[in-house]
Amino acid sequence: RMREKHLQGFSDDEAIETSMREIFPVISAGA
């Protein structure tokens, strides 16, 4: 997801922050 955001033009910090925010609920639900 971070790589996907980076390819969309996000900076490294933005890609990490956005990915964490979007993926955290999914990962938590899976756990």
Full PDB file with SEQRES, HELIX, SHEET, SSBOND, CRYST1, ORIGX, SCALE, CONECT and MASTER records, all heavy atoms in Angstrom:
SEQRES   1 A   31  ARG MET ARG GLU LYS HIS LEU GLN GLY PHE SER ASP ASP          
SEQRES   2 A   31  GLU ALA ILE GLU THR SER MET ARG GLU ILE PHE PRO VAL          
SEQRES   3 A   31  ILE SER ALA GLY ALA                                          
HELIX    1 AA1 MET A    2  LEU A    7  1                                   6    
HELIX    2 AA2 ASP A   12  GLY A   30  1                                  19    
CRYST1    1.000    1.000    1.000  90.00  90.00  90.00 P 1           1          
ORIGX1      1.000000  0.000000  0.000000        0.00000                         
ORIGX2      0.000000  1.000000  0.000000        0.00000                         
ORIGX3      0.000000  0.000000  1.000000        0.00000                         
SCALE1      1.000000  0.000000  0.000000        0.00000                         
SCALE2      0.000000  1.000000  0.000000        0.00000                         
SCALE3      0.000000  0.000000  1.000000        0.00000                         
ATOM      1  N   ARG A   1       0.830  -1.196   0.000  1.00  0.00           N  
ATOM      2  CA  ARG A   1       0.000   0.000   0.000  1.00  0.00           C  
ATOM      3  C   ARG A   1       0.878   1.265   0.000  1.00  0.00           C  
ATOM      4  O   ARG A   1       0.562   2.248  -0.679  1.00  0.00           O  
ATOM      5  CB  ARG A   1      -0.936  -0.007   1.208  1.00  0.00           C  
ATOM      6  CG  ARG A   1      -1.831   1.225   1.325  1.00  0.00           C  
ATOM      7  CD  ARG A   1      -2.660   1.430   0.052  1.00  0.00           C  
ATOM      8  NE  ARG A   1      -3.576   0.338  -0.184  1.00  0.00           N  
ATOM      9  CZ  ARG A   1      -4.823   0.315   0.265  1.00  0.00           C  
ATOM     10  NH1 ARG A   1      -5.304   1.341   0.938  1.00  0.00           N  
ATOM     11  NH2 ARG A   1      -5.602  -0.717   0.008  1.00  0.00           N  
ATOM     12  N   MET A   2       1.978   1.238   0.766  1.00  0.00           N  
ATOM     13  CA  MET A   2       2.898   2.375   0.766  1.00  0.00           C  
ATOM     14  C   MET A   2       3.497   2.591  -0.624  1.00  0.00           C  
ATOM     15  O   MET A   2       3.608   3.725  -1.091  1.00  0.00           O  
ATOM     16  CB  MET A   2       4.026   2.141   1.777  1.00  0.00           C  
ATOM     17  CG  MET A   2       3.587   2.163   3.214  1.00  0.00           C  
ATOM     18  SD  MET A   2       4.972   1.808   4.325  1.00  0.00           S  
ATOM     19  CE  MET A   2       4.150   1.857   5.922  1.00  0.00           C  
ATOM     20  N   ARG A   3       3.869   1.508  -1.283  1.00  0.00           N  
ATOM     21  CA  ARG A   3       4.437   1.610  -2.630  1.00  0.00           C  
ATOM     22  C   ARG A   3       3.401   2.169  -3.599  1.00  0.00           C  
ATOM     23  O   ARG A   3       3.713   2.984  -4.471  1.00  0.00           O  
ATOM     24  CB  ARG A   3       4.916   0.232  -3.092  1.00  0.00           C  
ATOM     25  CG  ARG A   3       5.560   0.228  -4.467  1.00  0.00           C  
ATOM     26  CD  ARG A   3       6.137  -1.146  -4.768  1.00  0.00           C  
ATOM     27  NE  ARG A   3       6.766  -1.168  -6.090  1.00  0.00           N  
ATOM     28  CZ  ARG A   3       6.119  -1.448  -7.217  1.00  0.00           C  
ATOM     29  NH1 ARG A   3       4.822  -1.722  -7.185  1.00  0.00           N  
ATOM     30  NH2 ARG A   3       6.754  -1.447  -8.375  1.00  0.00           N  
ATOM     31  N   GLU A   4       2.161   1.729  -3.440  1.00  0.00           N  
ATOM     32  CA  GLU A   4       1.081   2.225  -4.296  1.00  0.00           C  
ATOM     33  C   GLU A   4       0.894   3.729  -4.131  1.00  0.00           C  
ATOM     34  O   GLU A   4       0.751   4.468  -5.125  1.00  0.00           O  
ATOM     35  CB  GLU A   4      -0.212   1.488  -3.947  1.00  0.00           C  
ATOM     36  CG  GLU A   4      -1.430   1.933  -4.733  1.00  0.00           C  
ATOM     37  CD  GLU A   4      -2.693   1.236  -4.279  1.00  0.00           C  
ATOM     38  OE1 GLU A   4      -2.597   0.135  -3.726  1.00  0.00           O  
ATOM     39  OE2 GLU A   4      -3.785   1.813  -4.471  1.00  0.00           O  
ATOM     40  N   LYS A   5       0.903   4.201  -2.884  1.00  0.00           N  
ATOM     41  CA  LYS A   5       0.757   5.636  -2.632  1.00  0.00           C  
ATOM     42  C   LYS A   5       1.948   6.422  -3.181  1.00  0.00           C  
ATOM     43  O   LYS A   5       1.792   7.535  -3.711  1.00  0.00           O  
ATOM     44  CB  LYS A   5       0.623   5.886  -1.127  1.00  0.00           C  
ATOM     45  CG  LYS A   5      -0.661   5.334  -0.516  1.00  0.00           C  
ATOM     46  CD  LYS A   5      -1.893   6.014  -1.101  1.00  0.00           C  
ATOM     47  CE  LYS A   5      -3.168   5.487  -0.459  1.00  0.00           C  
ATOM     48  NZ  LYS A   5      -4.376   6.108  -1.062  1.00  0.00           N  
ATOM     49  N   HIS A   6       3.135   5.851  -3.059  1.00  0.00           N  
ATOM     50  CA  HIS A   6       4.324   6.521  -3.565  1.00  0.00           C  
ATOM     51  C   HIS A   6       4.257   6.670  -5.081  1.00  0.00           C  
ATOM     52  O   HIS A   6       4.640   7.720  -5.643  1.00  0.00           O  
ATOM     53  CB  HIS A   6       5.572   5.730  -3.163  1.00  0.00           C  
ATOM     54  CG  HIS A   6       6.856   6.383  -3.575  1.00  0.00           C  
ATOM     55  ND1 HIS A   6       7.353   7.503  -2.946  1.00  0.00           N  
ATOM     56  CD2 HIS A   6       7.746   6.081  -4.565  1.00  0.00           C  
ATOM     57  CE1 HIS A   6       8.487   7.867  -3.508  1.00  0.00           C  
ATOM     58  NE2 HIS A   6       8.748   7.018  -4.501  1.00  0.00           N  
ATOM     59  N   LEU A   7       3.764   5.646  -5.765  1.00  0.00           N  
ATOM     60  CA  LEU A   7       3.635   5.713  -7.225  1.00  0.00           C  
ATOM     61  C   LEU A   7       2.553   6.701  -7.651  1.00  0.00           C  
ATOM     62  O   LEU A   7       2.579   7.202  -8.788  1.00  0.00           O  
ATOM     63  CB  LEU A   7       3.316   4.321  -7.790  1.00  0.00           C  
ATOM     64  CG  LEU A   7       4.426   3.267  -7.659  1.00  0.00           C  
ATOM     65  CD1 LEU A   7       3.953   1.914  -8.181  1.00  0.00           C  
ATOM     66  CD2 LEU A   7       5.686   3.714  -8.399  1.00  0.00           C  
ATOM     67  N   GLN A   8       1.626   6.977  -6.737  1.00  0.00           N  
ATOM     68  CA  GLN A   8       0.576   7.949  -7.035  1.00  0.00           C  
ATOM     69  C   GLN A   8       1.058   9.385  -6.858  1.00  0.00           C  
ATOM     70  O   GLN A   8       0.298  10.327  -7.109  1.00  0.00           O  
ATOM     71  CB  GLN A   8      -0.643   7.700  -6.150  1.00  0.00           C  
ATOM     72  CG  GLN A   8      -1.402   6.421  -6.475  1.00  0.00           C  
ATOM     73  CD  GLN A   8      -2.542   6.151  -5.525  1.00  0.00           C  
ATOM     74  OE1 GLN A   8      -2.767   6.915  -4.569  1.00  0.00           O  
ATOM     75  NE2 GLN A   8      -3.281   5.077  -5.765  1.00  0.00           N  
ATOM     76  N   GLY A   9       2.289   9.566  -6.396  1.00  0.00           N  
ATOM     77  CA  GLY A   9       2.852  10.904  -6.264  1.00  0.00           C  
ATOM     78  C   GLY A   9       3.008  11.387  -4.842  1.00  0.00           C  
ATOM     79  O   GLY A   9       3.472  12.515  -4.628  1.00  0.00           O  
ATOM     80  N   PHE A  10       2.649  10.586  -3.865  1.00  0.00           N  
ATOM     81  CA  PHE A  10       2.819  10.981  -2.467  1.00  0.00           C  
ATOM     82  C   PHE A  10       4.296  10.958  -2.105  1.00  0.00           C  
ATOM     83  O   PHE A  10       5.070  10.153  -2.630  1.00  0.00           O  
ATOM     84  CB  PHE A  10       2.059  10.022  -1.539  1.00  0.00           C  
ATOM     85  CG  PHE A  10       0.563  10.170  -1.577  1.00  0.00           C  
ATOM     86  CD1 PHE A  10      -0.192   9.600  -2.597  1.00  0.00           C  
ATOM     87  CD2 PHE A  10      -0.107  10.885  -0.590  1.00  0.00           C  
ATOM     88  CE1 PHE A  10      -1.562   9.730  -2.638  1.00  0.00           C  
ATOM     89  CE2 PHE A  10      -1.480  11.016  -0.616  1.00  0.00           C  
ATOM     90  CZ  PHE A  10      -2.212  10.441  -1.647  1.00  0.00           C  
ATOM     91  N   SER A  11       4.685  11.853  -1.197  1.00  0.00           N  
ATOM     92  CA  SER A  11       6.049  11.809  -0.676  1.00  0.00           C  
ATOM     93  C   SER A  11       6.196  10.590   0.235  1.00  0.00           C  
ATOM     94  O   SER A  11       5.208   9.935   0.575  1.00  0.00           O  
ATOM     95  CB  SER A  11       6.362  13.089   0.108  1.00  0.00           C  
ATOM     96  OG  SER A  11       5.545  13.177   1.276  1.00  0.00           O  
ATOM     97  N   ASP A  12       7.428  10.288   0.644  1.00  0.00           N  
ATOM     98  CA  ASP A  12       7.657   9.114   1.489  1.00  0.00           C  
ATOM     99  C   ASP A  12       6.866   9.213   2.793  1.00  0.00           C  
ATOM    100  O   ASP A  12       6.205   8.250   3.208  1.00  0.00           O  
ATOM    101  CB  ASP A  12       9.148   8.962   1.786  1.00  0.00           C  
ATOM    102  CG  ASP A  12       9.941   8.587   0.542  1.00  0.00           C  
ATOM    103  OD1 ASP A  12       9.309   8.160  -0.448  1.00  0.00           O  
ATOM    104  OD2 ASP A  12      11.177   8.723   0.561  1.00  0.00           O  
ATOM    105  N   ASP A  13       6.949  10.363   3.453  1.00  0.00           N  
ATOM    106  CA  ASP A  13       6.244  10.540   4.731  1.00  0.00           C  
ATOM    107  C   ASP A  13       4.732  10.471   4.544  1.00  0.00           C  
ATOM    108  O   ASP A  13       4.022   9.848   5.347  1.00  0.00           O  
ATOM    109  CB  ASP A  13       6.625  11.881   5.366  1.00  0.00           C  
ATOM    110  CG  ASP A  13       8.075  11.911   5.823  1.00  0.00           C  
ATOM    111  OD1 ASP A  13       8.648  10.810   6.023  1.00  0.00           O  
ATOM    112  OD2 ASP A  13       8.628  13.010   5.978  1.00  0.00           O  
ATOM    113  N   GLU A  14       4.242  11.087   3.485  1.00  0.00           N  
ATOM    114  CA  GLU A  14       2.806  11.070   3.222  1.00  0.00           C  
ATOM    115  C   GLU A  14       2.320   9.657   2.878  1.00  0.00           C  
ATOM    116  O   GLU A  14       1.236   9.240   3.305  1.00  0.00           O  
ATOM    117  CB  GLU A  14       2.469  12.022   2.076  1.00  0.00           C  
ATOM    118  CG  GLU A  14       2.623  13.498   2.417  1.00  0.00           C  
ATOM    119  CD  GLU A  14       2.410  14.387   1.206  1.00  0.00           C  
ATOM    120  OE1 GLU A  14       2.515  13.877   0.061  1.00  0.00           O  
ATOM    121  OE2 GLU A  14       2.138  15.588   1.395  1.00  0.00           O  
ATOM    122  N   ALA A  15       3.129   8.913   2.122  1.00  0.00           N  
ATOM    123  CA  ALA A  15       2.759   7.548   1.749  1.00  0.00           C  
ATOM    124  C   ALA A  15       2.668   6.656   2.986  1.00  0.00           C  
ATOM    125  O   ALA A  15       1.729   5.861   3.128  1.00  0.00           O  
ATOM    126  CB  ALA A  15       3.781   6.974   0.768  1.00  0.00           C  
ATOM    127  N   ILE A  16       3.627   6.832   3.890  1.00  0.00           N  
ATOM    128  CA  ILE A  16       3.619   6.033   5.120  1.00  0.00           C  
ATOM    129  C   ILE A  16       2.424   6.402   6.002  1.00  0.00           C  
ATOM    130  O   ILE A  16       1.697   5.525   6.486  1.00  0.00           O  
ATOM    131  CB  ILE A  16       4.943   6.233   5.887  1.00  0.00           C  
ATOM    132  CG1 ILE A  16       6.115   5.659   5.098  1.00  0.00           C  
ATOM    133  CG2 ILE A  16       4.869   5.579   7.266  1.00  0.00           C  
ATOM    134  CD1 ILE A  16       7.467   5.940   5.696  1.00  0.00           C  
ATOM    135  N   GLU A  17       2.225   7.689   6.200  1.00  0.00           N  
ATOM    136  CA  GLU A  17       1.137   8.150   7.066  1.00  0.00           C  
ATOM    137  C   GLU A  17      -0.228   7.745   6.518  1.00  0.00           C  
ATOM    138  O   GLU A  17      -1.086   7.231   7.253  1.00  0.00           O  
ATOM    139  CB  GLU A  17       1.218   9.663   7.214  1.00  0.00           C  
ATOM    140  CG  GLU A  17       0.150  10.248   8.132  1.00  0.00           C  
ATOM    141  CD  GLU A  17       0.248  11.756   8.246  1.00  0.00           C  
ATOM    142  OE1 GLU A  17       1.244  12.328   7.746  1.00  0.00           O  
ATOM    143  OE2 GLU A  17      -0.671  12.363   8.824  1.00  0.00           O  
ATOM    144  N   THR A  18      -0.434   7.957   5.227  1.00  0.00           N  
ATOM    145  CA  THR A  18      -1.721   7.625   4.613  1.00  0.00           C  
ATOM    146  C   THR A  18      -1.972   6.117   4.635  1.00  0.00           C  
ATOM    147  O   THR A  18      -3.081   5.658   4.931  1.00  0.00           O  
ATOM    148  CB  THR A  18      -1.768   8.131   3.160  1.00  0.00           C  
ATOM    149  OG1 THR A  18      -1.493   9.525   3.131  1.00  0.00           O  
ATOM    150  CG2 THR A  18      -3.136   7.882   2.554  1.00  0.00           C  
ATOM    151  N   SER A  19      -0.949   5.350   4.323  1.00  0.00           N  
ATOM    152  CA  SER A  19      -1.090   3.888   4.310  1.00  0.00           C  
ATOM    153  C   SER A  19      -1.396   3.350   5.691  1.00  0.00           C  
ATOM    154  O   SER A  19      -2.262   2.469   5.847  1.00  0.00           O  
ATOM    155  CB  SER A  19       0.192   3.250   3.766  1.00  0.00           C  
ATOM    156  OG  SER A  19       0.461   3.682   2.454  1.00  0.00           O  
ATOM    157  N   MET A  20      -0.712   3.858   6.702  1.00  0.00           N  
ATOM    158  CA  MET A  20      -0.961   3.420   8.074  1.00  0.00           C  
ATOM    159  C   MET A  20      -2.396   3.730   8.482  1.00  0.00           C  
ATOM    160  O   MET A  20      -3.069   2.909   9.112  1.00  0.00           O  
ATOM    161  CB  MET A  20       0.017   4.097   9.029  1.00  0.00           C  
ATOM    162  CG  MET A  20       1.450   3.597   8.894  1.00  0.00           C  
ATOM    163  SD  MET A  20       1.654   1.909   9.497  1.00  0.00           S  
ATOM    164  CE  MET A  20       1.458   2.198  11.258  1.00  0.00           C  
ATOM    165  N   ARG A  21      -2.855   4.914   8.110  1.00  0.00           N  
ATOM    166  CA  ARG A  21      -4.212   5.327   8.486  1.00  0.00           C  
ATOM    167  C   ARG A  21      -5.269   4.469   7.783  1.00  0.00           C  
ATOM    168  O   ARG A  21      -6.284   4.107   8.373  1.00  0.00           O  
ATOM    169  CB  ARG A  21      -4.406   6.802   8.165  1.00  0.00           C  
ATOM    170  CG  ARG A  21      -5.749   7.359   8.642  1.00  0.00           C  
ATOM    171  CD  ARG A  21      -5.839   8.872   8.494  1.00  0.00           C  
ATOM    172  NE  ARG A  21      -5.677   9.300   7.111  1.00  0.00           N  
ATOM    173  CZ  ARG A  21      -4.607   9.928   6.651  1.00  0.00           C  
ATOM    174  NH1 ARG A  21      -3.592  10.196   7.464  1.00  0.00           N  
ATOM    175  NH2 ARG A  21      -4.522  10.293   5.376  1.00  0.00           N  
ATOM    176  N   GLU A  22      -5.028   4.134   6.525  1.00  0.00           N  
ATOM    177  CA  GLU A  22      -6.006   3.368   5.769  1.00  0.00           C  
ATOM    178  C   GLU A  22      -5.955   1.873   6.087  1.00  0.00           C  
ATOM    179  O   GLU A  22      -6.992   1.205   6.098  1.00  0.00           O  
ATOM    180  CB  GLU A  22      -5.770   3.578   4.267  1.00  0.00           C  
ATOM    181  CG  GLU A  22      -6.046   5.002   3.800  1.00  0.00           C  
ATOM    182  CD  GLU A  22      -5.783   5.163   2.315  1.00  0.00           C  
ATOM    183  OE1 GLU A  22      -5.313   4.187   1.684  1.00  0.00           O  
ATOM    184  OE2 GLU A  22      -6.048   6.262   1.779  1.00  0.00           O  
ATOM    185  N   ILE A  23      -4.763   1.343   6.332  1.00  0.00           N  
ATOM    186  CA  ILE A  23      -4.593  -0.095   6.496  1.00  0.00           C  
ATOM    187  C   ILE A  23      -4.798  -0.550   7.940  1.00  0.00           C  
ATOM    188  O   ILE A  23      -5.197  -1.697   8.186  1.00  0.00           O  
ATOM    189  CB  ILE A  23      -3.183  -0.515   6.004  1.00  0.00           C  
ATOM    190  CG1 ILE A  23      -3.088  -0.298   4.496  1.00  0.00           C  
ATOM    191  CG2 ILE A  23      -2.889  -1.955   6.325  1.00  0.00           C  
ATOM    192  CD1 ILE A  23      -4.059  -1.128   3.702  1.00  0.00           C  
ATOM    193  N   PHE A  24      -4.553   0.336   8.901  1.00  0.00           N  
ATOM    194  CA  PHE A  24      -4.635  -0.062  10.314  1.00  0.00           C  
ATOM    195  C   PHE A  24      -5.966  -0.729  10.668  1.00  0.00           C  
ATOM    196  O   PHE A  24      -5.972  -1.779  11.324  1.00  0.00           O  
ATOM    197  CB  PHE A  24      -4.377   1.145  11.221  1.00  0.00           C  
ATOM    198  CG  PHE A  24      -4.414   0.817  12.681  1.00  0.00           C  
ATOM    199  CD1 PHE A  24      -3.349   0.158  13.290  1.00  0.00           C  
ATOM    200  CD2 PHE A  24      -5.522   1.143  13.468  1.00  0.00           C  
ATOM    201  CE1 PHE A  24      -3.385  -0.160  14.639  1.00  0.00           C  
ATOM    202  CE2 PHE A  24      -5.557   0.826  14.803  1.00  0.00           C  
ATOM    203  CZ  PHE A  24      -4.485   0.170  15.392  1.00  0.00           C  
ATOM    204  N   PRO A  25      -7.121  -0.162  10.278  1.00  0.00           N  
ATOM    205  CA  PRO A  25      -8.390  -0.840  10.621  1.00  0.00           C  
ATOM    206  C   PRO A  25      -8.516  -2.230   9.990  1.00  0.00           C  
ATOM    207  O   PRO A  25      -9.049  -3.151  10.619  1.00  0.00           O  
ATOM    208  CB  PRO A  25      -9.451   0.118  10.071  1.00  0.00           C  
ATOM    209  CG  PRO A  25      -8.775   1.437   9.984  1.00  0.00           C  
ATOM    210  CD  PRO A  25      -7.365   1.139   9.623  1.00  0.00           C  
ATOM    211  N   VAL A  26      -8.004  -2.364   8.763  1.00  0.00           N  
ATOM    212  CA  VAL A  26      -8.092  -3.656   8.075  1.00  0.00           C  
ATOM    213  C   VAL A  26      -7.221  -4.705   8.768  1.00  0.00           C  
ATOM    214  O   VAL A  26      -7.647  -5.844   9.010  1.00  0.00           O  
ATOM    215  CB  VAL A  26      -7.659  -3.507   6.604  1.00  0.00           C  
ATOM    216  CG1 VAL A  26      -7.732  -4.850   5.883  1.00  0.00           C  
ATOM    217  CG2 VAL A  26      -8.530  -2.480   5.899  1.00  0.00           C  
ATOM    218  N   ILE A  27      -5.987  -4.313   9.104  1.00  0.00           N  
ATOM    219  CA  ILE A  27      -5.075  -5.232   9.781  1.00  0.00           C  
ATOM    220  C   ILE A  27      -5.611  -5.597  11.161  1.00  0.00           C  
ATOM    221  O   ILE A  27      -5.560  -6.761  11.579  1.00  0.00           O  
ATOM    222  CB  ILE A  27      -3.670  -4.610   9.889  1.00  0.00           C  
ATOM    223  CG1 ILE A  27      -3.039  -4.480   8.496  1.00  0.00           C  
ATOM    224  CG2 ILE A  27      -2.774  -5.439  10.799  1.00  0.00           C  
ATOM    225  CD1 ILE A  27      -1.661  -3.865   8.493  1.00  0.00           C  
ATOM    226  N   SER A  28      -6.144  -4.615  11.879  1.00  0.00           N  
ATOM    227  CA  SER A  28      -6.703  -4.876  13.211  1.00  0.00           C  
ATOM    228  C   SER A  28      -7.879  -5.835  13.125  1.00  0.00           C  
ATOM    229  O   SER A  28      -8.004  -6.762  13.940  1.00  0.00           O  
ATOM    230  CB  SER A  28      -7.139  -3.563  13.864  1.00  0.00           C  
ATOM    231  OG  SER A  28      -6.039  -2.685  14.016  1.00  0.00           O  
ATOM    232  N   ALA A  29      -8.756  -5.625  12.129  1.00  0.00           N  
ATOM    233  CA  ALA A  29      -9.909  -6.512  11.961  1.00  0.00           C  
ATOM    234  C   ALA A  29      -9.461  -7.929  11.621  1.00  0.00           C  
ATOM    235  O   ALA A  29     -10.027  -8.915  12.122  1.00  0.00           O  
ATOM    236  CB  ALA A  29     -10.824  -5.976  10.861  1.00  0.00           C  
ATOM    237  N   GLY A  30      -8.425  -8.030  10.775  1.00  0.00           N  
ATOM    238  CA  GLY A  30      -7.889  -9.347  10.440  1.00  0.00           C  
ATOM    239  C   GLY A  30      -7.301 -10.052  11.648  1.00  0.00           C  
ATOM    240  O   GLY A  30      -7.498 -11.258  11.834  1.00  0.00           O  
ATOM    241  N   ALA A  31      -6.579  -9.288  12.485  1.00  0.00           N  
ATOM    242  CA  ALA A  31      -5.992  -9.870  13.697  1.00  0.00           C  
ATOM    243  C   ALA A  31      -7.074 -10.355  14.653  1.00  0.00           C  
ATOM    244  O   ALA A  31      -6.967 -11.443  15.236  1.00  0.00           O  
ATOM    245  CB  ALA A  31      -5.099  -8.833  14.380  1.00  0.00           C  
TER     246      ALA A  31                                                      
MASTER        0    0    0    2    0    0    0    6  245    1    0    3          
END                                                                             
